[in-house]
Amino acid sequence: MPHVAWLQDRLKDGSLIASGPFTGTAVKSALLIMNAPDRAVLDRLIASDPFAEHELIENMVVSEWDPIFGAFNNQSTMPGQMQGG
């Protein structure tokens, strides 16, 4: 499936950190945690997704996130900090 290949390529290049479908929803949807230096780069990445190219993305919400606590702390503005002791 082209979308899955796109996801795998994004994992390899580091622009995708994690992804997966939401469960128990009436409409098929997913969460993608992406890594991009700015919104323009992110928009270009998403535009290259076969789902976007075939206009299969009905709705998209983009929010910047700073994972200070937990598994993604190494990608935060405070890597190695705030992890407890």
Protein backbone atom coordinates (compact mmCIF):
# COMPACT_ATOMS: atom_id res chain seq x y z
CA MET A 1 0.00 0.00 0.00
CA PRO A 2 1.55 3.35 -1.02
CA HIS A 3 0.52 5.15 2.19
CA VAL A 4 2.22 2.49 4.34
CA ALA A 5 5.38 2.76 2.21
CA TRP A 6 5.25 6.55 2.69
CA LEU A 7 4.98 6.07 6.48
CA GLN A 8 7.92 3.65 6.45
CA ASP A 9 10.00 6.12 4.44
CA ARG A 10 9.14 8.90 6.91
CA LEU A 11 10.25 6.66 9.79
CA LYS A 12 13.56 6.05 8.02
CA ASP A 13 14.21 9.75 7.37
CA GLY A 14 13.21 10.71 10.92
CA SER A 15 10.29 12.93 10.02
CA LEU A 16 7.77 10.47 11.50
CA ILE A 17 8.18 9.62 15.16
CA ALA A 18 5.05 7.51 15.64
CA SER A 19 1.74 6.82 13.93
CA GLY A 20 -1.30 4.66 14.28
CA PRO A 21 -5.05 4.54 13.81
CA PHE A 22 -7.60 5.69 16.34
CA THR A 23 -9.76 2.81 17.52
CA GLY A 24 -13.52 2.76 18.00
CA THR A 25 -14.20 5.68 15.68
CA ALA A 26 -16.93 5.85 13.07
CA VAL A 27 -14.57 7.45 10.55
CA LYS A 28 -11.17 5.93 9.85
CA SER A 29 -8.57 8.30 11.26
CA ALA A 30 -5.06 8.29 12.69
CA LEU A 31 -2.53 10.25 14.70
CA LEU A 32 0.85 11.07 13.23
CA ILE A 33 3.57 12.50 15.45
CA MET A 34 5.90 14.24 13.04
CA ASN A 35 9.24 15.99 13.36
CA ALA A 36 9.79 19.01 11.11
CA PRO A 37 11.79 22.22 11.51
CA ASP A 38 8.79 24.38 10.62
CA ARG A 39 5.20 24.32 9.36
CA ALA A 40 6.16 24.77 5.70
CA VAL A 41 8.32 21.62 5.78
CA LEU A 42 5.55 19.72 7.56
CA ASP A 43 3.00 20.84 4.96
CA ARG A 44 5.28 19.61 2.15
CA LEU A 45 5.75 16.26 3.90
CA ILE A 46 2.00 15.78 4.34
CA ALA A 47 1.36 16.85 0.73
CA SER A 48 3.66 14.02 -0.42
CA ASP A 49 1.53 11.38 1.39
CA PRO A 50 -0.41 9.32 -1.18
CA PHE A 51 -3.55 9.90 0.93
CA ALA A 52 -3.08 13.66 0.41
CA GLU A 53 -2.20 13.26 -3.27
CA HIS A 54 -5.47 11.37 -3.81
CA GLU A 55 -7.46 13.81 -1.67
CA LEU A 56 -8.32 11.17 0.93
CA ILE A 57 -7.59 13.43 3.91
CA GLU A 58 -10.91 14.96 4.91
CA ASN A 59 -9.80 16.79 8.03
CA MET A 60 -6.44 17.52 9.58
CA VAL A 61 -5.50 19.27 12.81
CA VAL A 62 -1.90 20.34 13.28
CA SER A 63 -0.64 21.26 16.74
CA GLU A 64 2.90 21.86 17.90
CA TRP A 65 3.77 19.66 20.89
CA ASP A 66 6.68 19.74 23.33
CA PRO A 67 7.00 16.25 24.92
CA ILE A 68 8.79 17.31 28.09
CA PHE A 69 7.69 14.21 30.05
CA GLY A 70 7.92 10.59 28.95
CA ALA A 71 9.14 8.48 26.08
CA PHE A 72 9.67 11.33 23.61
CA ASN A 73 11.57 13.62 26.01
CA ASN A 74 14.71 13.34 23.87
CA GLN A 75 12.79 15.34 21.21
CA SER A 76 11.65 18.06 23.63
CA THR A 77 13.01 21.49 24.45
CA MET A 78 14.28 19.95 27.71
CA PRO A 79 15.97 16.65 26.76
CA GLY A 80 17.22 14.71 29.75
CA GLN A 81 15.40 16.96 32.18
CA MET A 82 12.12 16.66 34.11
CA GLN A 83 12.24 12.86 34.06
CA GLY A 84 12.03 12.37 37.79
CA GLY A 85 14.59 10.90 40.05
